[in-house]
C-alpha atoms as a PDB file:
ATOM      1  CA  MET A   1       1.190 -11.427  28.193  1.00  0.00           C
ATOM      2  CA  SER A   2       0.585 -15.084  27.082  1.00  0.00           C
ATOM      3  CA  ALA A   3       2.962 -16.538  24.766  1.00  0.00           C
ATOM      4  CA  ALA A   4       0.302 -16.646  21.814  1.00  0.00           C
ATOM      5  CA  GLN A   5      -0.275 -12.947  22.203  1.00  0.00           C
ATOM      6  CA  ILE A   6       0.224 -11.157  19.013  1.00  0.00           C
ATOM      7  CA  ARG A   7       2.140  -7.581  19.142  1.00  0.00           C
ATOM      8  CA  ILE A   8       0.670  -5.426  16.217  1.00  0.00           C
ATOM      9  CA  LEU A   9       2.523  -2.088  14.867  1.00  0.00           C
ATOM     10  CA  LEU A  10      -0.345   0.111  13.346  1.00  0.00           C
ATOM     11  CA  VAL A  11       1.200   2.363  10.248  1.00  0.00           C
ATOM     12  CA  ASP A  12      -1.335   4.808   8.873  1.00  0.00           C
ATOM     13  CA  ASP A  13      -1.260   8.589   8.225  1.00  0.00           C
ATOM     14  CA  HIS A  14      -4.605   9.205   9.518  1.00  0.00           C
ATOM     15  CA  PRO A  15      -4.842   9.396  13.104  1.00  0.00           C
ATOM     16  CA  MET A  16      -8.544   8.538  13.337  1.00  0.00           C
ATOM     17  CA  VAL A  17      -8.327   5.420  11.433  1.00  0.00           C
ATOM     18  CA  ARG A  18      -5.561   4.311  13.765  1.00  0.00           C
ATOM     19  CA  GLU A  19      -7.631   5.054  16.685  1.00  0.00           C
ATOM     20  CA  GLY A  20     -10.775   3.419  15.062  1.00  0.00           C
ATOM     21  CA  LEU A  21      -8.563   0.146  14.337  1.00  0.00           C
ATOM     22  CA  ARG A  22      -7.203   0.199  17.903  1.00  0.00           C
ATOM     23  CA  SER A  23     -10.645   0.097  19.138  1.00  0.00           C
ATOM     24  CA  ARG A  24     -11.842  -2.513  16.831  1.00  0.00           C
ATOM     25  CA  LEU A  25      -8.864  -4.815  18.059  1.00  0.00           C
ATOM     26  CA  SER A  26      -8.874  -3.703  21.810  1.00  0.00           C
ATOM     27  CA  SER A  27     -11.548  -6.437  22.569  1.00  0.00           C
ATOM     28  CA  VAL A  28      -9.687  -9.329  21.427  1.00  0.00           C
ATOM     29  CA  ALA A  29      -7.665 -10.936  24.268  1.00  0.00           C
ATOM     30  CA  HIS A  30      -4.717 -12.235  22.246  1.00  0.00           C
ATOM     31  CA  LEU A  31      -3.885  -9.121  20.418  1.00  0.00           C
ATOM     32  CA  GLU A  32      -1.870  -6.023  21.371  1.00  0.00           C
ATOM     33  CA  VAL A  33      -1.443  -2.944  19.718  1.00  0.00           C
ATOM     34  CA  VAL A  34       2.130  -1.786  20.709  1.00  0.00           C
ATOM     35  CA  ALA A  35       2.668   0.917  18.787  1.00  0.00           C
ATOM     36  CA  GLU A  36       1.355   3.405  16.081  1.00  0.00           C
ATOM     37  CA  ALA A  37       3.199   5.328  13.487  1.00  0.00           C
ATOM     38  CA  GLY A  38       1.950   8.045  10.806  1.00  0.00           C
ATOM     39  CA  GLU A  39       5.215   8.022   8.726  1.00  0.00           C
ATOM     40  CA  PRO A  40       8.095   5.769   7.645  1.00  0.00           C
ATOM     41  CA  GLN A  41      10.738   6.839   9.597  1.00  0.00           C
ATOM     42  CA  GLU A  42       8.554   6.759  12.748  1.00  0.00           C
ATOM     43  CA  ALA A  43       7.692   3.262  11.812  1.00  0.00           C
ATOM     44  CA  LEU A  44      11.053   1.834  11.220  1.00  0.00           C
ATOM     45  CA  ALA A  45      12.020   3.202  14.581  1.00  0.00           C
ATOM     46  CA  CYS A  46       9.453   0.933  16.239  1.00  0.00           C
ATOM     47  CA  LEU A  47      10.873  -2.406  14.743  1.00  0.00           C
ATOM     48  CA  SER A  48      13.496  -2.321  17.096  1.00  0.00           C
ATOM     49  CA  SER A  49      11.958  -0.570  20.035  1.00  0.00           C
ATOM     50  CA  CYS A  50       8.470  -2.225  19.895  1.00  0.00           C
ATOM     51  CA  ALA A  51       9.388  -5.646  18.534  1.00  0.00           C
ATOM     52  CA  PRO A  52       6.284  -6.215  16.725  1.00  0.00           C
ATOM     53  CA  THR A  53       4.788  -9.535  15.596  1.00  0.00           C
ATOM     54  CA  VAL A  54       2.867  -8.062  12.577  1.00  0.00           C
ATOM     55  CA  VAL A  55       2.768  -5.013  11.050  1.00  0.00           C
ATOM     56  CA  LEU A  56      -0.686  -3.454   9.792  1.00  0.00           C
ATOM     57  CA  MET A  57       0.205  -1.353   7.034  1.00  0.00           C
ATOM     58  CA  ASP A  58      -1.674   1.143   4.820  1.00  0.00           C
ATOM     59  CA  VAL A  59      -0.904   0.496   1.513  1.00  0.00           C
ATOM     60  CA  GLY A  60      -1.893   4.352   0.507  1.00  0.00           C
ATOM     61  CA  LEU A  61       0.382   5.653   3.079  1.00  0.00           C
ATOM     62  CA  LYS A  62       1.215   9.502   2.152  1.00  0.00           C
ATOM     63  CA  ALA A  63       5.030  10.039   2.832  1.00  0.00           C
ATOM     64  CA  ARG A  64       7.874  12.625   2.070  1.00  0.00           C
ATOM     65  CA  GLY A  65      11.481  11.553   1.340  1.00  0.00           C
ATOM     66  CA  GLU A  66      12.836   8.435  -0.143  1.00  0.00           C
ATOM     67  CA  ILE A  67       9.947   6.251   0.923  1.00  0.00           C
ATOM     68  CA  GLN A  68       6.858   7.232  -0.686  1.00  0.00           C
ATOM     69  CA  ASN A  69       4.096   4.698   0.156  1.00  0.00           C
ATOM     70  CA  GLY A  70       3.138   1.710   2.223  1.00  0.00           C
ATOM     71  CA  ILE A  71       4.649  -0.526  -0.354  1.00  0.00           C
ATOM     72  CA  GLU A  72       8.127   0.632  -0.494  1.00  0.00           C
ATOM     73  CA  LEU A  73       8.064   0.927   3.450  1.00  0.00           C
ATOM     74  CA  THR A  74       7.171  -2.718   3.610  1.00  0.00           C
ATOM     75  CA  GLN A  75      10.456  -3.187   1.505  1.00  0.00           C
ATOM     76  CA  ALA A  76      12.134  -1.224   3.795  1.00  0.00           C
ATOM     77  CA  MET A  77      11.167  -2.858   6.766  1.00  0.00           C
ATOM     78  CA  LEU A  78      11.696  -6.402   5.607  1.00  0.00           C
ATOM     79  CA  ALA A  79      15.083  -5.221   4.461  1.00  0.00           C
ATOM     80  CA  ARG A  80      15.906  -4.827   8.430  1.00  0.00           C
ATOM     81  CA  GLU A  81      13.554  -7.729   9.427  1.00  0.00           C
ATOM     82  CA  PRO A  82      13.447 -10.369   6.907  1.00  0.00           C
ATOM     83  CA  GLY A  83      11.146 -12.157   9.405  1.00  0.00           C
ATOM     84  CA  LEU A  84       8.715  -9.377  10.085  1.00  0.00           C
ATOM     85  CA  ARG A  85       5.088 -10.166   9.019  1.00  0.00           C
ATOM     86  CA  VAL A  86       3.371  -7.318   7.232  1.00  0.00           C
ATOM     87  CA  LEU A  87      -0.566  -7.202   6.562  1.00  0.00           C
ATOM     88  CA  MET A  88      -1.537  -4.771   4.386  1.00  0.00           C
ATOM     89  CA  PHE A  89      -4.859  -2.498   5.255  1.00  0.00           C
ATOM     90  CA  SER A  90      -6.162  -0.777   2.687  1.00  0.00           C
ATOM     91  CA  MET A  91      -9.405   0.816   0.969  1.00  0.00           C
ATOM     92  CA  TYR A  92      -8.186   0.008  -2.588  1.00  0.00           C
ATOM     93  CA  ASP A  93      -9.488  -3.483  -3.824  1.00  0.00           C
ATOM     94  CA  ASN A  94      -7.389  -3.224  -7.324  1.00  0.00           C
ATOM     95  CA  PRO A  95      -5.830  -6.231  -8.008  1.00  0.00           C
ATOM     96  CA  GLU A  96      -2.769  -4.099  -9.172  1.00  0.00           C
ATOM     97  CA  TYR A  97      -2.317  -2.816  -5.425  1.00  0.00           C
ATOM     98  CA  VAL A  98      -2.661  -6.388  -4.413  1.00  0.00           C
ATOM     99  CA  GLN A  99      -0.089  -7.708  -6.620  1.00  0.00           C
ATOM    100  CA  ARG A 100       2.264  -4.953  -5.833  1.00  0.00           C
ATOM    101  CA  ALA A 101       1.830  -5.440  -2.060  1.00  0.00           C
ATOM    102  CA  LEU A 102       2.552  -9.207  -2.339  1.00  0.00           C
ATOM    103  CA  GLN A 103       5.742  -8.630  -4.351  1.00  0.00           C
ATOM    104  CA  ALA A 104       6.875  -6.605  -1.922  1.00  0.00           C
ATOM    105  CA  GLY A 105       6.753  -9.329   0.857  1.00  0.00           C
ATOM    106  CA  ALA A 106       3.464  -8.691   2.466  1.00  0.00           C
ATOM    107  CA  ARG A 107       1.826 -11.823   3.795  1.00  0.00           C
ATOM    108  CA  GLY A 108      -1.630 -10.706   3.290  1.00  0.00           C
ATOM    109  CA  TYR A 109      -3.988  -7.743   2.088  1.00  0.00           C
ATOM    110  CA  VAL A 110      -7.289  -6.757   3.677  1.00  0.00           C
ATOM    111  CA  LEU A 111      -9.560  -4.227   3.168  1.00  0.00           C
ATOM    112  CA  LYS A 112     -10.267  -1.395   5.696  1.00  0.00           C
ATOM    113  CA  ASP A 113     -14.248  -1.708   5.308  1.00  0.00           C
ATOM    114  CA  ALA A 114     -13.635  -5.599   6.087  1.00  0.00           C
ATOM    115  CA  PRO A 115     -15.616  -6.798   9.354  1.00  0.00           C
ATOM    116  CA  ALA A 116     -13.412  -6.970  12.569  1.00  0.00           C
ATOM    117  CA  SER A 117     -13.658 -10.656  12.456  1.00  0.00           C
ATOM    118  CA  GLU A 118     -11.877 -10.541   9.083  1.00  0.00           C
ATOM    119  CA  ILE A 119      -9.022  -8.479  10.233  1.00  0.00           C
ATOM    120  CA  VAL A 120      -8.576 -10.513  13.114  1.00  0.00           C
ATOM    121  CA  ALA A 121      -8.581 -13.595  11.189  1.00  0.00           C
ATOM    122  CA  ALA A 122      -6.029 -12.094   8.527  1.00  0.00           C
ATOM    123  CA  ILE A 123      -3.702 -11.189  11.385  1.00  0.00           C
ATOM    124  CA  ASP A 124      -3.713 -14.728  12.988  1.00  0.00           C
ATOM    125  CA  ALA A 125      -2.850 -15.928   9.754  1.00  0.00           C
ATOM    126  CA  VAL A 126       0.019 -14.026   9.069  1.00  0.00           C
ATOM    127  CA  ALA A 127       1.251 -13.965  12.609  1.00  0.00           C
ATOM    128  CA  ALA A 128       1.008 -17.686  12.358  1.00  0.00           C
ATOM    129  CA  GLY A 129       3.425 -17.858   9.301  1.00  0.00           C
ATOM    130  CA  GLY A 130       0.601 -18.006   6.607  1.00  0.00           C
ATOM    131  CA  THR A 131      -0.916 -15.799   4.288  1.00  0.00           C
ATOM    132  CA  PHE A 132      -4.375 -13.916   3.693  1.00  0.00           C
ATOM    133  CA  LEU A 133      -6.340 -12.873   1.204  1.00  0.00           C
ATOM    134  CA  SER A 134     -10.062 -12.150   1.291  1.00  0.00           C
ATOM    135  CA  GLU A 135     -12.421 -14.262  -0.912  1.00  0.00           C
ATOM    136  CA  ALA A 136     -13.822 -11.337  -2.613  1.00  0.00           C
ATOM    137  CA  LEU A 137     -10.121 -10.014  -3.344  1.00  0.00           C
ATOM    138  CA  SER A 138      -8.889 -13.865  -4.314  1.00  0.00           C
ATOM    139  CA  LYS A 139     -11.507 -14.145  -6.789  1.00  0.00           C
ATOM    140  CA  ARG A 140     -10.974 -10.498  -8.496  1.00  0.00           C
ATOM    141  CA  LEU A 141      -7.047 -10.934  -8.610  1.00  0.00           C
ATOM    142  CA  PHE A 142      -7.172 -14.308 -10.026  1.00  0.00           C
ATOM    143  CA  ARG A 143      -9.736 -13.086 -12.697  1.00  0.00           C
ATOM    144  CA  ASN A 144      -7.362 -10.615 -13.670  1.00  0.00           C
ATOM    145  CA  GLN A 145      -4.132 -12.272 -13.967  1.00  0.00           C
ATOM    146  CA  GLN A 146      -3.542 -11.087 -17.379  1.00  0.00           C
ATOM    147  CA  PRO A 147       0.117  -9.401 -17.801  1.00  0.00           C
ATOM    148  CA  ARG A 148       0.234  -5.833 -16.651  1.00  0.00           C
ATOM    149  CA  PRO A 149       0.079  -3.554 -19.875  1.00  0.00           C
ATOM    150  CA  MET A 150       3.562  -1.990 -21.007  1.00  0.00           C
ATOM    151  CA  LEU A 151       3.999   1.712 -20.835  1.00  0.00           C
ATOM    152  CA  SER A 152       6.119   3.331 -23.093  1.00  0.00           C
ATOM    153  CA  PRO A 153       9.046   5.253 -21.703  1.00  0.00           C
ATOM    154  CA  ARG A 154       7.369   8.796 -22.195  1.00  0.00           C
ATOM    155  CA  GLU A 155       4.212   7.427 -20.869  1.00  0.00           C
ATOM    156  CA  SER A 156       6.425   6.190 -17.796  1.00  0.00           C
ATOM    157  CA  GLU A 157       8.163   9.755 -17.581  1.00  0.00           C
ATOM    158  CA  ILE A 158       4.671  11.217 -17.587  1.00  0.00           C
ATOM    159  CA  LEU A 159       3.428   8.997 -15.073  1.00  0.00           C
ATOM    160  CA  SER A 160       6.782   9.963 -12.671  1.00  0.00           C
ATOM    161  CA  ALA A 161       5.991  13.330 -13.196  1.00  0.00           C
ATOM    162  CA  LEU A 162       2.376  13.427 -12.341  1.00  0.00           C
ATOM    163  CA  ALA A 163       3.649  11.597  -8.874  1.00  0.00           C
ATOM    164  CA  ARG A 164       5.671  14.568  -8.400  1.00  0.00           C
ATOM    165  CA  GLY A 165       2.707  16.587  -8.289  1.00  0.00           C
ATOM    166  CA  GLU A 166       3.695  18.440 -11.870  1.00  0.00           C
ATOM    167  CA  SER A 167       0.739  19.790 -14.030  1.00  0.00           C
ATOM    168  CA  SER A 168       0.325  19.030 -17.693  1.00  0.00           C
ATOM    169  CA  LYS A 169       1.775  22.344 -18.482  1.00  0.00           C
ATOM    170  CA  GLN A 170       4.881  21.759 -16.391  1.00  0.00           C
ATOM    171  CA  ILE A 171       5.481  18.276 -17.994  1.00  0.00           C
ATOM    172  CA  ALA A 172       4.960  19.531 -21.290  1.00  0.00           C
ATOM    173  CA  LYS A 173       7.796  22.411 -20.874  1.00  0.00           C
ATOM    174  CA  ALA A 174      10.104  20.006 -18.971  1.00  0.00           C
ATOM    175  CA  LEU A 175       9.822  17.311 -21.814  1.00  0.00           C
ATOM    176  CA  ASP A 176       9.451  19.876 -24.660  1.00  0.00           C
ATOM    177  CA  LEU A 177       6.190  18.627 -25.924  1.00  0.00           C
ATOM    178  CA  SER A 178       2.758  20.608 -26.281  1.00  0.00           C
ATOM    179  CA  VAL A 179       0.283  20.426 -23.497  1.00  0.00           C
ATOM    180  CA  ARG A 180      -2.043  18.503 -25.910  1.00  0.00           C
ATOM    181  CA  THR A 181       0.537  15.598 -26.578  1.00  0.00           C
ATOM    182  CA  VAL A 182       0.803  15.217 -22.631  1.00  0.00           C
ATOM    183  CA  GLU A 183      -2.796  14.956 -22.070  1.00  0.00           C
ATOM    184  CA  THR A 184      -2.899  12.381 -25.393  1.00  0.00           C
ATOM    185  CA  HIS A 185      -0.291  10.270 -23.087  1.00  0.00           C
ATOM    186  CA  ARG A 186      -2.390  10.865 -20.120  1.00  0.00           C
ATOM    187  CA  GLN A 187      -5.344   9.462 -21.521  1.00  0.00           C
ATOM    188  CA  SER A 188      -3.214   6.412 -23.162  1.00  0.00           C
ATOM    189  CA  ILE A 189      -1.723   5.815 -19.458  1.00  0.00           C
ATOM    190  CA  LYS A 190      -5.326   5.694 -17.911  1.00  0.00           C
ATOM    191  CA  ARG A 191      -6.506   3.159 -20.995  1.00  0.00           C
ATOM    192  CA  LYS A 192      -3.902   0.898 -20.551  1.00  0.00           C
ATOM    193  CA  LEU A 193      -3.994   0.897 -16.657  1.00  0.00           C
ATOM    194  CA  GLY A 194      -7.891   0.646 -16.573  1.00  0.00           C
ATOM    195  CA  LEU A 195      -8.012   3.664 -14.771  1.00  0.00           C
ATOM    196  CA  GLU A 196     -11.397   5.914 -14.613  1.00  0.00           C
ATOM    197  CA  GLY A 197     -10.722   9.883 -14.385  1.00  0.00           C
ATOM    198  CA  GLN A 198      -7.787  12.224 -13.681  1.00  0.00           C
ATOM    199  CA  ALA A 199      -8.245  11.548  -9.846  1.00  0.00           C
ATOM    200  CA  GLU A 200      -7.886   7.647 -10.159  1.00  0.00           C
ATOM    201  CA  LEU A 201      -4.758   8.316 -12.353  1.00  0.00           C
ATOM    202  CA  ILE A 202      -3.229  10.661 -10.070  1.00  0.00           C
ATOM    203  CA  LYS A 203      -3.644   8.314  -7.109  1.00  0.00           C
ATOM    204  CA  TYR A 204      -1.983   5.590  -9.199  1.00  0.00           C
ATOM    205  CA  ALA A 205       0.816   7.573  -9.949  1.00  0.00           C
ATOM    206  CA  VAL A 206       1.597   8.361  -6.202  1.00  0.00           C
ATOM    207  CA  GLU A 207       0.861   4.891  -5.071  1.00  0.00           C
ATOM    208  CA  HIS A 208       3.561   3.509  -7.544  1.00  0.00           C
ATOM    209  CA  ALA A 209       5.873   6.333  -7.576  1.00  0.00           C
ATOM    210  CA  ARG A 210       9.316   5.018  -8.919  1.00  0.00           C
ATOM    211  CA  THR A 211       8.002   1.605  -9.732  1.00  0.00           C
ATOM    212  CA  PHE A 212       7.285   2.143 -13.406  1.00  0.00           C
END
């Protein structure tokens, strides 16, 4: 192994995604996928045993337990290994996700449908101690630099409940509200966060569990 070789840990809960990514990177001589992980504890265990240079992390990692997503896992990894370089790998191009990933300590953010050349460029940049954000993401991010809308305490409660998988009926019962009132709050949350449809609302809630 040459001194310039970059050791990569792939973290994604979809085996087919990891397989495809490993295949895309295998032809690049200076990159080596040293380990893969599909859940947080497995990924954390790899830090000491695999000594990766770069962690290619799925933002939308579905997980159970204390760590709920890729952003939280990034924070946990950096708490153990402050010098670790984390590159987010995601299907989401929402500026909110990008901002949260960078705030968590990630060095870059690249989309899953990006060409292999861009993914390799992102890995190289992050491994060298720099940062990487694709041009399209950069433009969108800086175009959306307005402050994040503030949710009311009640809206935050409801968003947390949605992240736990609770229905409007269950939330209404737990908070002593009518189902209609809960639905009104859900509409308000979507409007404030610029989300479209219930599916996007649930995805947002799960992605940002315990961060609102």
